[in-house]
């Protein structure tokens, strides 16, 4: 089981990057156009956006086995924070996948339509997904899960647990930033934004490292949690 979960952890690290590349490809990797998401409306990139949304949706869904596996492994520790952390981890996966599936299903018809009404609707939809869901609400749940689960993990695997705690702090700071400014994680206006979003981005190597530990199995996350 640990080997299967390790693959899910690796996918949780890789697929967000794949989705990001696919989204960028829809805008011809043009930074200026990426800053104006509705600029894709009226082009032939609806299918590319659909694929990007599906990759993004899957990137969240594969975290569910990881959340449940860690819950089961730490359940014997009797921690009071475990239940809250697991709930937040599952909420993060559901909310994030909702955003990805929205891009995959709602955005392509609007892109193909190309009308001004479609452009306005697309702008409202993308703001709801990128700012409300991805940048604010899901970041709260991700931050709480990372802080809670790594509080339990850190005594067994210090480096991995510390990285997860820092990423969790970054996620909460990113949620505060987006909530107060209405900016998405892609809006990097200054050095503070770069630092905050950079800390949030540490969740990607955390998932990758967790996958390595679980796959190795011996004297790592799997065995240490079992015997903790």
Protein backbone atom coordinates (compact mmCIF):
# COMPACT_ATOMS: atom_id res chain seq x y z
CA UNK A 1 0.00 0.00 0.00
CA UNK A 2 2.83 2.39 0.84
CA UNK A 3 4.25 1.96 -2.68
CA UNK A 4 0.90 2.90 -4.26
CA UNK A 5 0.60 5.95 -2.02
CA UNK A 6 4.16 6.95 -2.88
CA UNK A 7 3.18 7.03 -6.56
CA UNK A 8 0.20 9.23 -5.66
CA UNK A 9 2.54 11.57 -3.76
CA UNK A 10 4.83 11.82 -6.79
CA UNK A 11 1.86 12.54 -9.04
CA UNK A 12 0.74 15.23 -6.60
CA UNK A 13 4.14 16.85 -7.11
CA UNK A 14 4.40 16.37 -10.89
CA UNK A 15 0.87 16.98 -12.19
CA UNK A 16 0.56 20.60 -10.98
CA UNK A 17 3.66 21.40 -13.03
CA UNK A 18 2.23 19.54 -16.04
CA UNK A 19 -1.04 21.47 -15.68
CA UNK A 20 0.88 24.75 -15.43
CA UNK A 21 2.77 24.00 -18.64
CA UNK A 22 -0.49 23.08 -20.38
CA UNK A 23 -2.14 26.34 -19.24
CA UNK A 24 0.89 28.30 -20.42
CA UNK A 25 0.80 26.49 -23.76
CA UNK A 26 -2.77 27.70 -24.28
CA UNK A 27 -1.38 31.24 -24.11
CA UNK A 28 1.68 30.43 -26.25
CA UNK A 29 3.87 30.83 -23.15
CA UNK A 30 3.29 34.58 -23.40
CA UNK A 31 3.58 36.17 -19.94
CA UNK A 32 1.60 39.23 -21.03
CA UNK A 33 -1.30 37.11 -22.27
CA UNK A 34 -1.19 34.97 -19.13
CA UNK A 35 -1.76 38.14 -17.11
CA UNK A 36 -4.98 38.61 -19.11
CA UNK A 37 -6.71 35.23 -18.88
CA UNK A 38 -9.79 36.23 -20.96
CA UNK A 39 -7.45 36.90 -23.91
CA UNK A 40 -7.77 33.22 -24.80
CA UNK A 41 -11.50 33.66 -25.56
CA UNK A 42 -12.17 33.46 -29.28
CA UNK A 43 -9.07 31.37 -30.01
CA UNK A 44 -8.80 27.69 -30.85
CA UNK A 45 -7.27 26.79 -27.47
CA UNK A 46 -10.40 25.44 -25.80
CA UNK A 47 -9.18 21.83 -25.99
CA UNK A 48 -5.79 22.75 -24.52
CA UNK A 49 -7.50 24.45 -21.59
CA UNK A 50 -9.68 21.39 -21.12
CA UNK A 51 -6.62 19.14 -20.92
CA UNK A 52 -4.90 21.55 -18.54
CA UNK A 53 -7.98 21.57 -16.30
CA UNK A 54 -8.12 17.77 -16.26
CA UNK A 55 -4.45 17.54 -15.32
CA UNK A 56 -5.06 20.05 -12.54
CA UNK A 57 -8.13 18.20 -11.29
CA UNK A 58 -6.19 14.92 -11.19
CA UNK A 59 -3.31 16.59 -9.34
CA UNK A 60 -5.67 17.27 -6.45
CA UNK A 61 -7.51 13.96 -6.51
CA UNK A 62 -4.30 11.92 -6.15
CA UNK A 63 -3.66 13.63 -2.83
CA UNK A 64 -6.69 11.89 -1.29
CA UNK A 65 -4.94 8.49 -0.88
CA UNK A 66 -1.97 10.32 0.69
CA UNK A 67 -4.21 12.15 3.18
CA UNK A 68 -6.03 8.97 4.16
CA UNK A 69 -2.85 6.90 4.39
CA UNK A 70 -1.16 9.38 6.72
CA UNK A 71 -4.32 9.56 8.82
CA UNK A 72 -4.32 5.79 9.24
CA UNK A 73 -0.62 5.67 10.09
CA UNK A 74 -0.87 8.40 12.73
CA UNK A 75 -4.21 7.31 14.15
CA UNK A 76 -2.58 5.30 16.91
CA UNK A 77 -0.71 8.34 18.16
CA UNK A 78 -3.97 9.73 19.55
CA UNK A 79 -3.26 13.25 18.39
CA UNK A 80 -6.04 15.80 18.86
CA UNK A 81 -5.07 17.61 15.68
CA UNK A 82 -5.18 14.58 13.39
CA UNK A 83 -8.91 14.70 12.71
CA UNK A 84 -8.84 18.39 11.86
CA UNK A 85 -5.76 17.94 9.68
CA UNK A 86 -7.33 15.07 7.74
CA UNK A 87 -10.56 16.99 7.20
CA UNK A 88 -8.58 19.94 5.88
CA UNK A 89 -6.51 17.69 3.62
CA UNK A 90 -9.65 16.20 2.06
CA UNK A 91 -11.27 19.64 1.76
CA UNK A 92 -8.14 20.88 -0.05
CA UNK A 93 -8.38 18.01 -2.53
CA UNK A 94 -12.10 18.49 -3.19
CA UNK A 95 -11.95 22.27 -3.56
CA UNK A 96 -8.86 22.20 -5.76
CA UNK A 97 -10.26 19.51 -8.05
CA UNK A 98 -13.47 21.53 -8.32
CA UNK A 99 -11.43 24.41 -9.72
CA UNK A 100 -9.67 22.18 -12.22
CA UNK A 101 -12.88 20.50 -13.35
CA UNK A 102 -14.49 23.93 -13.76
CA UNK A 103 -11.73 24.95 -16.15
CA UNK A 104 -12.10 21.64 -18.00
CA UNK A 105 -15.88 21.86 -18.46
CA UNK A 106 -16.93 25.52 -18.34
CA UNK A 107 -14.01 27.32 -19.97
CA UNK A 108 -13.76 25.54 -23.38
CA UNK A 109 -17.31 26.41 -24.60
CA UNK A 110 -16.74 30.04 -23.62
CA UNK A 111 -13.43 30.07 -25.48
CA UNK A 112 -15.04 28.59 -28.57
CA UNK A 113 -17.95 31.05 -28.36
CA UNK A 114 -15.69 34.09 -28.62
CA UNK A 115 -18.42 36.68 -27.98
CA UNK A 116 -18.11 39.61 -25.60
CA UNK A 117 -20.59 37.97 -23.26
CA UNK A 118 -18.45 34.83 -23.27
CA UNK A 119 -15.39 36.93 -22.47
CA UNK A 120 -17.11 38.56 -19.48
CA UNK A 121 -18.35 35.20 -18.21
CA UNK A 122 -14.89 33.68 -18.68
CA UNK A 123 -13.30 36.53 -16.72
CA UNK A 124 -15.74 36.07 -13.83
CA UNK A 125 -15.28 32.30 -13.84
CA UNK A 126 -11.49 32.44 -13.88
CA UNK A 127 -11.45 35.00 -11.05
CA UNK A 128 -13.70 32.75 -8.97
CA UNK A 129 -11.47 29.73 -9.59
CA UNK A 130 -8.00 31.28 -9.42
CA UNK A 131 -8.57 33.78 -6.59
CA UNK A 132 -11.50 32.49 -4.54
CA UNK A 133 -10.88 28.73 -4.72
CA UNK A 134 -7.23 28.13 -5.57
CA UNK A 135 -5.51 31.13 -4.00
CA UNK A 136 -7.63 31.74 -0.90
CA UNK A 137 -9.94 28.99 0.31
CA UNK A 138 -7.98 25.89 -0.67
CA UNK A 139 -4.74 27.43 0.62
CA UNK A 140 -6.28 27.68 4.09
CA UNK A 141 -7.12 23.97 4.11
CA UNK A 142 -3.74 23.03 2.61
CA UNK A 143 -1.92 25.09 5.22
CA UNK A 144 -3.79 23.57 8.16
CA UNK A 145 -3.29 20.03 6.82
CA UNK A 146 0.43 20.54 6.24
CA UNK A 147 0.95 22.08 9.67
CA UNK A 148 -1.08 19.39 11.43
CA UNK A 149 0.33 16.34 9.69
CA UNK A 150 3.93 17.57 9.74
CA UNK A 151 3.67 18.36 13.43
CA UNK A 152 3.21 14.61 13.82
CA UNK A 153 5.70 13.68 11.13
CA UNK A 154 8.59 15.91 12.17
CA UNK A 155 9.71 13.88 15.23
CA UNK A 156 10.18 10.84 12.95
CA UNK A 157 11.58 12.54 9.81
CA UNK A 158 12.93 15.94 10.82
CA UNK A 159 13.82 17.34 7.40
CA UNK A 160 10.60 16.30 5.71
CA UNK A 161 8.47 17.51 8.61
CA UNK A 162 10.24 20.86 8.75
CA UNK A 163 9.81 21.40 5.01
CA UNK A 164 6.11 20.60 5.33
CA UNK A 165 5.65 23.04 8.22
CA UNK A 166 7.32 25.83 6.25
CA UNK A 167 5.12 25.04 3.23
CA UNK A 168 2.06 25.10 5.50
CA UNK A 169 2.99 28.53 6.82
CA UNK A 170 3.48 29.67 3.23
CA UNK A 171 0.04 28.37 2.29
CA UNK A 172 -1.64 30.30 5.10
CA UNK A 173 0.29 33.47 4.29
CA UNK A 174 -0.67 33.09 0.65
CA UNK A 175 -4.34 32.73 1.62
CA UNK A 176 -4.15 35.91 3.71
CA UNK A 177 -2.41 37.75 0.86
CA UNK A 178 -5.02 36.70 -1.70
CA UNK A 179 -7.91 37.35 0.64
CA UNK A 180 -6.75 40.88 1.42
CA UNK A 181 -5.63 41.89 -2.07
CA UNK A 182 -7.84 39.84 -4.41
CA UNK A 183 -4.70 38.62 -6.19
CA UNK A 184 -4.10 35.06 -7.32
CA UNK A 185 -0.86 33.19 -6.66
CA UNK A 186 0.17 34.08 -10.22
CA UNK A 187 0.06 37.82 -9.46
CA UNK A 188 3.59 38.52 -8.28
CA UNK A 189 3.74 42.28 -7.93
CA UNK A 190 6.75 42.54 -5.62
CA UNK A 191 9.40 40.69 -3.58
CA UNK A 192 7.01 39.95 -0.72
CA UNK A 193 4.68 38.19 -3.16
CA UNK A 194 7.58 36.14 -4.48
CA UNK A 195 8.60 35.07 -0.99
CA UNK A 196 5.07 34.13 0.09
CA UNK A 197 4.24 32.20 -3.08
CA UNK A 198 7.71 30.63 -3.00
CA UNK A 199 7.05 29.28 0.50
CA UNK A 200 3.70 27.94 -0.65
CA UNK A 201 5.41 26.23 -3.59
CA UNK A 202 7.48 24.12 -1.18
CA UNK A 203 4.51 21.76 -0.95
CA UNK A 204 5.62 20.36 -4.34
CA UNK A 205 9.06 19.10 -3.19
CA UNK A 206 7.42 18.01 0.08
CA UNK A 207 5.12 15.65 -1.82
CA UNK A 208 8.07 14.42 -3.90
CA UNK A 209 10.18 13.77 -0.79
CA UNK A 210 7.28 12.05 0.96
CA UNK A 211 6.90 9.78 -2.07
CA UNK A 212 10.57 8.82 -1.88
CA UNK A 213 10.33 8.03 1.83
CA UNK A 214 7.22 5.91 1.37
CA UNK A 215 8.65 4.05 -1.61
CA UNK A 216 11.87 3.18 0.20
CA UNK A 217 9.82 1.85 3.07
CA UNK A 218 12.68 0.85 5.33
CA UNK A 219 13.50 3.06 8.33
CA UNK A 220 11.55 5.90 6.76
CA UNK A 221 8.04 7.29 6.93
CA UNK A 222 6.27 3.94 6.61
CA UNK A 223 8.26 2.00 9.21
CA UNK A 224 8.79 4.93 11.54
CA UNK A 225 5.12 5.76 11.69
CA UNK A 226 4.17 2.12 12.15
CA UNK A 227 6.50 1.84 15.14
CA UNK A 228 5.87 5.31 16.60
